[in-house]
Amino acid sequence: MKIYISTDMEGLPGINSWHQVSDKDPRFLNRYLEETLQWVVDGVKASKQNSNVDQILVCDSHALGENISYDFTGYDDRLYLLRGGLRDYYMMAGLDESFSTVFFVGYHAGVGAIHGIMDHTYSSASVHTMKINGMRMNETLINAAFAGEFGIPVSLVIGDHALVDELKDTLQSTVLIETKTGLSRFAAIMRPKNVLKREIIAGVKTALDRTYDKSIKLYKFNSPYELDVEFNSTEMADESMLIPGLKRIDGRSVKYTCNSYATLIQTMLAVVYTARVGTDMGK
C-alpha cells in the first residue's frame, strides 16, 4: 500500500493569517505543518494496515513547495518528500496508479466561503470564482477528481470548518477532520492540540481501514470537462487569453473545454500563473 499526502498550510491548526505561512516569518514556517504530518504518520503506525504500507509520499504543495524540511523524512523510513516548483500538476505532482489512497493535510475552503480562513481557490490574488462542469470548486474537489482519474480514493481531509462544511455532502465516505472554526477570514477558534492529535491518529486509522476494504467512493467528473474562471479584474482575463483554446465569456470570465482532466488541470494552472502578470500590471 502506498499513501500519497498533498499538503497545504492555510487549513492547518494554529494558522490564521498570511504572514504565518510566509517564509519571511520563521516562527510559523514548517512548525505546525510538520507537527500535523507527524500525527498523520503516528496514525499510520498505529493502524492495522501499518505493515501493508510500503511508502508515504508527501507532496509539499503550498506556494513554491519549499515548506517541509528534508529532515522530516527521518521520522519514518517510508517517507519520501516531493518539494520545489514549478512542476506538472502542482499539488498532485507525482501521483500515479501505484498509490492506494490520498490524504489532504492543511487544506482550506474555496474562494468565497463565509468564514473560510484565507479562503481562495488556487490563487488568492486573481480568482474570484472557479467552476468545473458548472460546480463551484475548492482545491480539495479539484484535486480529488484528479486522484479519481487514477482510480484512487481520497480517504482523509484535514482542514478548517468551512472546508469540512463544503465537503460533507460530497465526500461522504471520506474522513473529514476540523482544525479550527473561522470567525472571519483572518480569525479562528483553534481546537486543543492534544484533542486534535488524538482525532487525527484515529482518523488515519479509519481512513486506512476504509481504503483496505474499498468502502470509499471515488470522486470524478464526467467528460467533457468544462472549466469556468471569473477573475478579480479584466486585465487578468486579458492576459489569460494568451493561452490557446480559452474562450472569453465577458470582461472578467473565461471558459475552457477538453476531454482530458489532466489537460484541464494543466490549463487551469497556466490560467492562474498567467493571471499573475495581470496582478502585477494592476498594481
C-alpha atoms as a PDB file:
ATOM      1  CA  MET A   1       0.000   0.000   0.000  1.00  0.00           C
ATOM      2  CA  LYS A   2       1.303   3.454  -0.977  1.00  0.00           C
ATOM      3  CA  ILE A   3      -0.071   6.635   0.608  1.00  0.00           C
ATOM      4  CA  TYR A   4       0.014   9.983  -1.198  1.00  0.00           C
ATOM      5  CA  ILE A   5      -0.192  13.093   1.016  1.00  0.00           C
ATOM      6  CA  SER A   6      -0.738  16.532  -0.528  1.00  0.00           C
ATOM      7  CA  THR A   7      -0.119  19.346   1.938  1.00  0.00           C
ATOM      8  CA  ASP A   8      -1.225  22.946   2.165  1.00  0.00           C
ATOM      9  CA  MET A   9      -0.915  25.400   5.062  1.00  0.00           C
ATOM     10  CA  GLU A  10      -3.938  27.690   5.364  1.00  0.00           C
ATOM     11  CA  GLY A  11      -6.069  24.906   6.849  1.00  0.00           C
ATOM     12  CA  LEU A  12      -3.514  23.872   9.475  1.00  0.00           C
ATOM     13  CA  PRO A  13      -4.155  24.226  13.202  1.00  0.00           C
ATOM     14  CA  GLY A  14      -2.665  27.386  14.683  1.00  0.00           C
ATOM     15  CA  ILE A  15      -2.705  29.313  11.379  1.00  0.00           C
ATOM     16  CA  ASN A  16      -4.935  32.344  10.756  1.00  0.00           C
ATOM     17  CA  SER A  17      -3.070  34.895   8.589  1.00  0.00           C
ATOM     18  CA  TRP A  18      -0.839  35.150   5.528  1.00  0.00           C
ATOM     19  CA  HIS A  19       2.362  36.056   7.366  1.00  0.00           C
ATOM     20  CA  GLN A  20       2.148  32.774   9.263  1.00  0.00           C
ATOM     21  CA  VAL A  21       2.531  30.815   6.030  1.00  0.00           C
ATOM     22  CA  SER A  22       5.278  33.036   4.622  1.00  0.00           C
ATOM     23  CA  ASP A  23       8.994  32.249   4.563  1.00  0.00           C
ATOM     24  CA  LYS A  24       9.505  35.763   5.930  1.00  0.00           C
ATOM     25  CA  ASP A  25       8.169  34.631   9.305  1.00  0.00           C
ATOM     26  CA  PRO A  26      10.263  31.702  10.604  1.00  0.00           C
ATOM     27  CA  ARG A  27       8.201  31.470  13.808  1.00  0.00           C
ATOM     28  CA  PHE A  28       5.494  29.521  11.998  1.00  0.00           C
ATOM     29  CA  LEU A  29       7.009  28.113   8.809  1.00  0.00           C
ATOM     30  CA  ASN A  30       7.255  24.289   8.970  1.00  0.00           C
ATOM     31  CA  ARG A  31       6.329  24.057  12.643  1.00  0.00           C
ATOM     32  CA  TYR A  32       2.586  23.348  12.503  1.00  0.00           C
ATOM     33  CA  LEU A  33       2.799  21.590   9.140  1.00  0.00           C
ATOM     34  CA  GLU A  34       5.453  19.101  10.209  1.00  0.00           C
ATOM     35  CA  GLU A  35       3.783  18.580  13.580  1.00  0.00           C
ATOM     36  CA  THR A  36       0.465  17.739  11.911  1.00  0.00           C
ATOM     37  CA  LEU A  37       2.225  15.404   9.487  1.00  0.00           C
ATOM     38  CA  GLN A  38       3.846  13.644  12.434  1.00  0.00           C
ATOM     39  CA  TRP A  39       0.391  12.944  13.840  1.00  0.00           C
ATOM     40  CA  VAL A  40      -0.654  11.540  10.458  1.00  0.00           C
ATOM     41  CA  VAL A  41       2.389   9.235  10.402  1.00  0.00           C
ATOM     42  CA  ASP A  42       1.654   8.244  14.002  1.00  0.00           C
ATOM     43  CA  GLY A  43      -1.804   7.218  12.809  1.00  0.00           C
ATOM     44  CA  VAL A  44      -0.283   5.052  10.089  1.00  0.00           C
ATOM     45  CA  LYS A  45       1.995   3.391  12.643  1.00  0.00           C
ATOM     46  CA  ALA A  46      -0.956   2.739  14.960  1.00  0.00           C
ATOM     47  CA  SER A  47      -3.219   1.325  12.252  1.00  0.00           C
ATOM     48  CA  LYS A  48      -3.935  -2.325  11.490  1.00  0.00           C
ATOM     49  CA  GLN A  49      -2.685  -1.613   7.959  1.00  0.00           C
ATOM     50  CA  ASN A  50       0.753  -0.356   9.074  1.00  0.00           C
ATOM     51  CA  SER A  51       2.616  -3.458   7.930  1.00  0.00           C
ATOM     52  CA  ASN A  52       0.993  -3.141   4.496  1.00  0.00           C
ATOM     53  CA  VAL A  53       2.232   0.427   3.944  1.00  0.00           C
ATOM     54  CA  ASP A  54       5.389   0.444   1.827  1.00  0.00           C
ATOM     55  CA  GLN A  55       5.708   4.141   1.014  1.00  0.00           C
ATOM     56  CA  ILE A  56       4.337   7.531   2.086  1.00  0.00           C
ATOM     57  CA  LEU A  57       4.947  10.282  -0.465  1.00  0.00           C
ATOM     58  CA  VAL A  58       4.469  13.795   0.918  1.00  0.00           C
ATOM     59  CA  CYS A  59       3.887  16.419  -1.774  1.00  0.00           C
ATOM     60  CA  ASP A  60       4.802  19.857  -0.368  1.00  0.00           C
ATOM     61  CA  SER A  61       2.144  21.932  -2.114  1.00  0.00           C
ATOM     62  CA  HIS A  62       1.997  25.386  -0.548  1.00  0.00           C
ATOM     63  CA  ALA A  63       3.452  28.260  -2.589  1.00  0.00           C
ATOM     64  CA  LEU A  64       6.732  27.061  -4.163  1.00  0.00           C
ATOM     65  CA  GLY A  65       6.647  23.761  -2.272  1.00  0.00           C
ATOM     66  CA  GLU A  66       9.586  24.552  -0.006  1.00  0.00           C
ATOM     67  CA  ASN A  67       7.898  24.372   3.395  1.00  0.00           C
ATOM     68  CA  ILE A  68       8.873  20.927   4.694  1.00  0.00           C
ATOM     69  CA  SER A  69      12.444  20.204   5.734  1.00  0.00           C
ATOM     70  CA  TYR A  70      14.173  17.184   4.221  1.00  0.00           C
ATOM     71  CA  ASP A  71      14.953  16.237   7.840  1.00  0.00           C
ATOM     72  CA  PHE A  72      11.285  15.306   8.215  1.00  0.00           C
ATOM     73  CA  THR A  73      11.897  12.126   6.213  1.00  0.00           C
ATOM     74  CA  GLY A  74      13.861  10.872   9.223  1.00  0.00           C
ATOM     75  CA  TYR A  75      10.606  10.478  11.150  1.00  0.00           C
ATOM     76  CA  ASP A  76       9.800   7.250   9.268  1.00  0.00           C
ATOM     77  CA  ASP A  77      11.871   5.292   6.749  1.00  0.00           C
ATOM     78  CA  ARG A  78       8.895   5.041   4.386  1.00  0.00           C
ATOM     79  CA  LEU A  79       8.650   8.831   3.961  1.00  0.00           C
ATOM     80  CA  TYR A  80       9.526  10.386   0.608  1.00  0.00           C
ATOM     81  CA  LEU A  81       9.346  14.152   0.086  1.00  0.00           C
ATOM     82  CA  LEU A  82       8.407  15.929  -3.147  1.00  0.00           C
ATOM     83  CA  ARG A  83       9.288  19.628  -2.969  1.00  0.00           C
ATOM     84  CA  GLY A  84      10.026  22.603  -5.179  1.00  0.00           C
ATOM     85  CA  GLY A  85       8.406  24.185  -8.235  1.00  0.00           C
ATOM     86  CA  LEU A  86       7.364  24.746 -10.939  1.00  0.00           C
ATOM     87  CA  ARG A  87       6.063  21.258 -11.704  1.00  0.00           C
ATOM     88  CA  ASP A  88       3.330  19.460 -13.610  1.00  0.00           C
ATOM     89  CA  TYR A  89       0.033  19.078 -11.725  1.00  0.00           C
ATOM     90  CA  TYR A  90       1.398  21.180  -8.828  1.00  0.00           C
ATOM     91  CA  MET A  91      -0.480  19.959  -5.711  1.00  0.00           C
ATOM     92  CA  MET A  92      -0.819  16.458  -7.165  1.00  0.00           C
ATOM     93  CA  ALA A  93       2.641  16.079  -8.714  1.00  0.00           C
ATOM     94  CA  GLY A  94       3.996  12.530  -8.609  1.00  0.00           C
ATOM     95  CA  LEU A  95       0.638  10.801  -8.275  1.00  0.00           C
ATOM     96  CA  ASP A  96       0.132   7.668 -10.377  1.00  0.00           C
ATOM     97  CA  GLU A  97      -1.841   4.415 -10.377  1.00  0.00           C
ATOM     98  CA  SER A  98       0.540   2.742  -7.930  1.00  0.00           C
ATOM     99  CA  PHE A  99      -0.916   4.650  -4.955  1.00  0.00           C
ATOM    100  CA  SER A 100      -3.729   3.205  -2.866  1.00  0.00           C
ATOM    101  CA  THR A 101      -5.123   6.336  -1.236  1.00  0.00           C
ATOM    102  CA  VAL A 102      -4.746  10.105  -0.971  1.00  0.00           C
ATOM    103  CA  PHE A 103      -4.683  12.317   2.127  1.00  0.00           C
ATOM    104  CA  PHE A 104      -5.097  16.124   2.027  1.00  0.00           C
ATOM    105  CA  VAL A 105      -3.471  17.868   5.014  1.00  0.00           C
ATOM    106  CA  GLY A 106      -3.846  21.568   5.848  1.00  0.00           C
ATOM    107  CA  TYR A 107      -6.361  22.229   3.074  1.00  0.00           C
ATOM    108  CA  HIS A 108      -8.786  25.172   3.200  1.00  0.00           C
ATOM    109  CA  ALA A 109     -12.191  26.347   1.990  1.00  0.00           C
ATOM    110  CA  GLY A 110     -12.746  27.585  -1.555  1.00  0.00           C
ATOM    111  CA  VAL A 111     -12.907  31.208  -2.632  1.00  0.00           C
ATOM    112  CA  GLY A 112     -15.978  32.998  -1.298  1.00  0.00           C
ATOM    113  CA  ALA A 113     -16.641  30.626   1.613  1.00  0.00           C
ATOM    114  CA  ILE A 114     -18.079  32.502   4.564  1.00  0.00           C
ATOM    115  CA  HIS A 115     -15.620  32.436   7.489  1.00  0.00           C
ATOM    116  CA  GLY A 116     -13.178  30.341   5.490  1.00  0.00           C
ATOM    117  CA  ILE A 117      -9.680  31.002   6.823  1.00  0.00           C
ATOM    118  CA  MET A 118      -7.739  32.707   3.986  1.00  0.00           C
ATOM    119  CA  ASP A 119     -10.329  31.342   1.539  1.00  0.00           C
ATOM    120  CA  HIS A 120      -9.164  31.031  -2.068  1.00  0.00           C
ATOM    121  CA  THR A 121      -9.061  28.574  -4.939  1.00  0.00           C
ATOM    122  CA  TYR A 122      -5.552  28.196  -6.337  1.00  0.00           C
ATOM    123  CA  SER A 123      -4.965  31.973  -6.297  1.00  0.00           C
ATOM    124  CA  SER A 124      -5.963  34.445  -3.601  1.00  0.00           C
ATOM    125  CA  ALA A 125      -4.845  37.324  -5.831  1.00  0.00           C
ATOM    126  CA  SER A 126      -6.674  36.593  -9.072  1.00  0.00           C
ATOM    127  CA  VAL A 127      -9.530  34.046  -8.898  1.00  0.00           C
ATOM    128  CA  HIS A 128     -12.988  35.309  -7.934  1.00  0.00           C
ATOM    129  CA  THR A 129     -14.864  32.114  -8.867  1.00  0.00           C
ATOM    130  CA  MET A 130     -13.817  28.769 -10.336  1.00  0.00           C
ATOM    131  CA  LYS A 131     -16.189  26.064 -11.576  1.00  0.00           C
ATOM    132  CA  ILE A 132     -15.774  22.673 -13.221  1.00  0.00           C
ATOM    133  CA  ASN A 133     -18.764  21.280 -15.114  1.00  0.00           C
ATOM    134  CA  GLY A 134     -20.875  24.008 -13.521  1.00  0.00           C
ATOM    135  CA  MET A 135     -19.939  23.172  -9.915  1.00  0.00           C
ATOM    136  CA  ARG A 136     -18.219  25.709  -7.669  1.00  0.00           C
ATOM    137  CA  MET A 137     -14.760  24.411  -6.815  1.00  0.00           C
ATOM    138  CA  ASN A 138     -12.300  24.346  -3.955  1.00  0.00           C
ATOM    139  CA  GLU A 139      -8.815  22.854  -4.168  1.00  0.00           C
ATOM    140  CA  THR A 140      -9.894  19.654  -2.418  1.00  0.00           C
ATOM    141  CA  LEU A 141     -12.511  18.796  -5.028  1.00  0.00           C
ATOM    142  CA  ILE A 142     -10.293  19.763  -7.966  1.00  0.00           C
ATOM    143  CA  ASN A 143      -7.516  17.534  -6.669  1.00  0.00           C
ATOM    144  CA  ALA A 144      -9.822  14.712  -5.531  1.00  0.00           C
ATOM    145  CA  ALA A 145     -11.155  14.469  -9.091  1.00  0.00           C
ATOM    146  CA  PHE A 146      -7.573  14.225 -10.358  1.00  0.00           C
ATOM    147  CA  ALA A 147      -6.988  11.281  -7.999  1.00  0.00           C
ATOM    148  CA  GLY A 148     -10.270   9.805  -9.170  1.00  0.00           C
ATOM    149  CA  GLU A 149      -8.955   9.705 -12.738  1.00  0.00           C
ATOM    150  CA  PHE A 150      -6.343   7.214 -11.483  1.00  0.00           C
ATOM    151  CA  GLY A 151      -8.962   5.230  -9.576  1.00  0.00           C
ATOM    152  CA  ILE A 152      -7.590   6.440  -6.241  1.00  0.00           C
ATOM    153  CA  PRO A 153      -9.898   7.494  -3.385  1.00  0.00           C
ATOM    154  CA  VAL A 154      -9.336  10.456  -1.066  1.00  0.00           C
ATOM    155  CA  SER A 155      -9.762   8.877   2.345  1.00  0.00           C
ATOM    156  CA  LEU A 156      -8.698  11.744   4.655  1.00  0.00           C
ATOM    157  CA  VAL A 157      -9.013  15.548   4.579  1.00  0.00           C
ATOM    158  CA  ILE A 158      -7.677  17.769   7.368  1.00  0.00           C
ATOM    159  CA  GLY A 159      -8.716  21.415   7.212  1.00  0.00           C
ATOM    160  CA  ASP A 160     -10.840  24.239   8.605  1.00  0.00           C
ATOM    161  CA  HIS A 161     -14.536  24.056   9.489  1.00  0.00           C
ATOM    162  CA  ALA A 162     -15.650  25.928   6.370  1.00  0.00           C
ATOM    163  CA  LEU A 163     -13.898  23.340   4.187  1.00  0.00           C
ATOM    164  CA  VAL A 164     -15.459  20.426   6.049  1.00  0.00           C
ATOM    165  CA  ASP A 165     -18.839  22.099   5.600  1.00  0.00           C
ATOM    166  CA  GLU A 166     -18.193  22.327   1.845  1.00  0.00           C
ATOM    167  CA  LEU A 167     -17.230  18.653   1.596  1.00  0.00           C
ATOM    168  CA  LYS A 168     -19.554  16.805   3.960  1.00  0.00           C
ATOM    169  CA  ASP A 169     -22.310  16.192   1.396  1.00  0.00           C
ATOM    170  CA  THR A 170     -19.927  15.364  -1.468  1.00  0.00           C
ATOM    171  CA  LEU A 171     -17.150  13.263   0.098  1.00  0.00           C
ATOM    172  CA  GLN A 172     -19.411  11.360   2.456  1.00  0.00           C
ATOM    173  CA  SER A 173     -17.171   8.308   2.910  1.00  0.00           C
ATOM    174  CA  THR A 174     -14.005  10.393   3.435  1.00  0.00           C
ATOM    175  CA  VAL A 175     -12.738  11.071   6.967  1.00  0.00           C
ATOM    176  CA  LEU A 176     -13.032  14.845   7.489  1.00  0.00           C
ATOM    177  CA  ILE A 177     -11.193  16.437  10.425  1.00  0.00           C
ATOM    178  CA  GLU A 178     -11.672  20.063  11.514  1.00  0.00           C
ATOM    179  CA  THR A 179      -8.650  22.001  12.747  1.00  0.00           C
ATOM    180  CA  LYS A 180     -10.387  25.297  13.632  1.00  0.00           C
ATOM    181  CA  THR A 181     -13.574  27.316  13.202  1.00  0.00           C
ATOM    182  CA  GLY A 182     -13.321  30.647  11.408  1.00  0.00           C
ATOM    183  CA  LEU A 183     -14.891  33.791  12.825  1.00  0.00           C
ATOM    184  CA  SER A 184     -13.787  35.833   9.813  1.00  0.00           C
ATOM    185  CA  ARG A 185     -11.230  35.437   7.031  1.00  0.00           C
ATOM    186  CA  PHE A 186      -8.343  36.029   9.437  1.00  0.00           C
ATOM    187  CA  ALA A 187      -9.692  34.958  12.832  1.00  0.00           C
ATOM    188  CA  ALA A 188     -10.494  31.499  14.172  1.00  0.00           C
ATOM    189  CA  ILE A 189     -11.102  29.435  17.267  1.00  0.00           C
ATOM    190  CA  MET A 190      -8.331  26.807  17.345  1.00  0.00           C
ATOM    191  CA  ARG A 191      -9.109  23.328  18.631  1.00  0.00           C
ATOM    192  CA  PRO A 192      -6.986  21.968  21.523  1.00  0.00           C
ATOM    193  CA  LYS A 193      -3.740  20.457  20.264  1.00  0.00           C
ATOM    194  CA  ASN A 194      -3.911  17.158  22.138  1.00  0.00           C
ATOM    195  CA  VAL A 195      -7.565  16.625  21.196  1.00  0.00           C
ATOM    196  CA  LEU A 196      -6.758  17.226  17.549  1.00  0.00           C
ATOM    197  CA  LYS A 197      -3.716  14.947  17.700  1.00  0.00           C
ATOM    198  CA  ARG A 198      -5.821  12.065  19.026  1.00  0.00           C
ATOM    199  CA  GLU A 199      -8.529  12.718  16.426  1.00  0.00           C
ATOM    200  CA  ILE A 200      -6.034  12.735  13.549  1.00  0.00           C
ATOM    201  CA  ILE A 201      -4.402   9.493  14.681  1.00  0.00           C
ATOM    202  CA  ALA A 202      -7.818   7.837  14.971  1.00  0.00           C
ATOM    203  CA  GLY A 203      -8.918   9.363  11.659  1.00  0.00           C
ATOM    204  CA  VAL A 204      -5.901   7.977   9.800  1.00  0.00           C
ATOM    205  CA  LYS A 205      -6.626   4.514  11.168  1.00  0.00           C
ATOM    206  CA  THR A 206     -10.227   4.747   9.956  1.00  0.00           C
ATOM    207  CA  ALA A 207      -9.143   6.117   6.571  1.00  0.00           C
ATOM    208  CA  LEU A 208      -6.732   3.225   6.005  1.00  0.00           C
ATOM    209  CA  ASP A 209      -9.332   0.669   7.068  1.00  0.00           C
ATOM    210  CA  ARG A 210     -11.802   2.142   4.573  1.00  0.00           C
ATOM    211  CA  THR A 211      -9.105   2.124   1.910  1.00  0.00           C
ATOM    212  CA  TYR A 212      -8.336  -1.525   2.598  1.00  0.00           C
ATOM    213  CA  ASP A 213     -11.985  -2.623   2.427  1.00  0.00           C
ATOM    214  CA  LYS A 214     -12.618  -0.358  -0.608  1.00  0.00           C
ATOM    215  CA  SER A 215     -15.567   1.431   1.005  1.00  0.00           C
ATOM    216  CA  ILE A 216     -14.599   4.942  -0.158  1.00  0.00           C
ATOM    217  CA  LYS A 217     -16.388   6.253  -3.231  1.00  0.00           C
ATOM    218  CA  LEU A 218     -14.244   7.815  -5.952  1.00  0.00           C
ATOM    219  CA  TYR A 219     -14.837  11.463  -6.801  1.00  0.00           C
ATOM    220  CA  LYS A 220     -14.812  12.172 -10.545  1.00  0.00           C
ATOM    221  CA  PHE A 221     -16.313  14.411 -13.209  1.00  0.00           C
ATOM    222  CA  ASN A 222     -17.723  13.188 -16.499  1.00  0.00           C
ATOM    223  CA  SER A 223     -16.101  14.133 -19.795  1.00  0.00           C
ATOM    224  CA  PRO A 224     -16.157  16.587 -21.492  1.00  0.00           C
ATOM    225  CA  TYR A 225     -14.606  18.749 -18.808  1.00  0.00           C
ATOM    226  CA  GLU A 226     -15.538  22.424 -18.687  1.00  0.00           C
ATOM    227  CA  LEU A 227     -13.547  24.958 -16.666  1.00  0.00           C
ATOM    228  CA  ASP A 228     -15.021  28.390 -15.904  1.00  0.00           C
ATOM    229  CA  VAL A 229     -12.872  31.045 -14.236  1.00  0.00           C
ATOM    230  CA  GLU A 230     -14.015  34.501 -13.180  1.00  0.00           C
ATOM    231  CA  PHE A 231     -11.078  36.767 -12.334  1.00  0.00           C
ATOM    232  CA  ASN A 232     -10.912  39.673  -9.927  1.00  0.00           C
ATOM    233  CA  SER A 233     -10.237  42.125 -12.750  1.00  0.00           C
ATOM    234  CA  THR A 234     -10.453  42.437 -16.534  1.00  0.00           C
ATOM    235  CA  GLU A 235      -6.697  42.690 -17.124  1.00  0.00           C
ATOM    236  CA  MET A 236      -6.253  39.216 -15.654  1.00  0.00           C
ATOM    237  CA  ALA A 237      -8.753  37.852 -18.176  1.00  0.00           C
ATOM    238  CA  ASP A 238      -6.915  39.779 -20.895  1.00  0.00           C
ATOM    239  CA  GLU A 239      -3.654  38.041 -20.015  1.00  0.00           C
ATOM    240  CA  SER A 240      -5.258  34.587 -19.793  1.00  0.00           C
ATOM    241  CA  MET A 241      -6.363  34.830 -23.421  1.00  0.00           C
ATOM    242  CA  LEU A 242      -2.736  34.284 -24.432  1.00  0.00           C
ATOM    243  CA  ILE A 243      -3.437  30.599 -23.702  1.00  0.00           C
ATOM    244  CA  PRO A 244      -4.755  28.728 -26.798  1.00  0.00           C
ATOM    245  CA  GLY A 245      -8.209  27.215 -26.511  1.00  0.00           C
ATOM    246  CA  LEU A 246      -9.707  29.631 -23.987  1.00  0.00           C
ATOM    247  CA  LYS A 247     -12.989  31.353 -24.791  1.00  0.00           C
ATOM    248  CA  ARG A 248     -13.764  34.814 -23.439  1.00  0.00           C
ATOM    249  CA  ILE A 249     -17.210  34.915 -21.804  1.00  0.00           C
ATOM    250  CA  ASP A 250     -17.251  38.501 -20.540  1.00  0.00           C
ATOM    251  CA  GLY A 251     -14.870  41.123 -19.179  1.00  0.00           C
ATOM    252  CA  ARG A 252     -13.651  39.005 -16.265  1.00  0.00           C
ATOM    253  CA  SER A 253     -14.577  35.443 -17.260  1.00  0.00           C
ATOM    254  CA  VAL A 254     -13.090  32.724 -19.474  1.00  0.00           C
ATOM    255  CA  LYS A 255     -14.043  29.146 -20.344  1.00  0.00           C
ATOM    256  CA  TYR A 256     -12.045  26.095 -21.396  1.00  0.00           C
ATOM    257  CA  THR A 257     -13.391  22.715 -22.562  1.00  0.00           C
ATOM    258  CA  CYS A 258     -11.467  19.474 -23.174  1.00  0.00           C
ATOM    259  CA  ASN A 259     -11.760  15.678 -22.934  1.00  0.00           C
ATOM    260  CA  SER A 260      -8.779  15.086 -20.639  1.00  0.00           C
ATOM    261  CA  TYR A 261      -8.911  16.005 -16.948  1.00  0.00           C
ATOM    262  CA  ALA A 262      -5.110  16.067 -16.784  1.00  0.00           C
ATOM    263  CA  THR A 263      -5.114  18.630 -19.599  1.00  0.00           C
ATOM    264  CA  LEU A 264      -7.756  20.643 -17.767  1.00  0.00           C
ATOM    265  CA  ILE A 265      -5.580  20.739 -14.615  1.00  0.00           C
ATOM    266  CA  GLN A 266      -2.525  21.880 -16.574  1.00  0.00           C
ATOM    267  CA  THR A 267      -4.560  24.551 -18.364  1.00  0.00           C
ATOM    268  CA  MET A 268      -6.109  25.734 -15.102  1.00  0.00           C
ATOM    269  CA  LEU A 269      -2.614  26.146 -13.634  1.00  0.00           C
ATOM    270  CA  ALA A 270      -1.492  28.050 -16.740  1.00  0.00           C
ATOM    271  CA  VAL A 271      -4.525  30.341 -16.415  1.00  0.00           C
ATOM    272  CA  VAL A 272      -3.706  31.071 -12.770  1.00  0.00           C
ATOM    273  CA  TYR A 273       0.004  31.626 -13.427  1.00  0.00           C
ATOM    274  CA  THR A 274      -0.686  33.885 -16.407  1.00  0.00           C
ATOM    275  CA  ALA A 275      -3.113  35.981 -14.360  1.00  0.00           C
ATOM    276  CA  ARG A 276      -0.204  36.906 -12.080  1.00  0.00           C
ATOM    277  CA  VAL A 277       1.029  39.139 -14.883  1.00  0.00           C
ATOM    278  CA  GLY A 278      -2.293  40.940 -14.767  1.00  0.00           C
ATOM    279  CA  THR A 279      -1.967  41.231 -10.988  1.00  0.00           C
ATOM    280  CA  ASP A 280       1.457  42.877 -11.317  1.00  0.00           C
ATOM    281  CA  MET A 281       0.248  45.240 -14.053  1.00  0.00           C
ATOM    282  CA  GLY A 282      -2.741  46.275 -11.964  1.00  0.00           C
ATOM    283  CA  LYS A 283      -0.672  47.437  -9.020  1.00  0.00           C
END
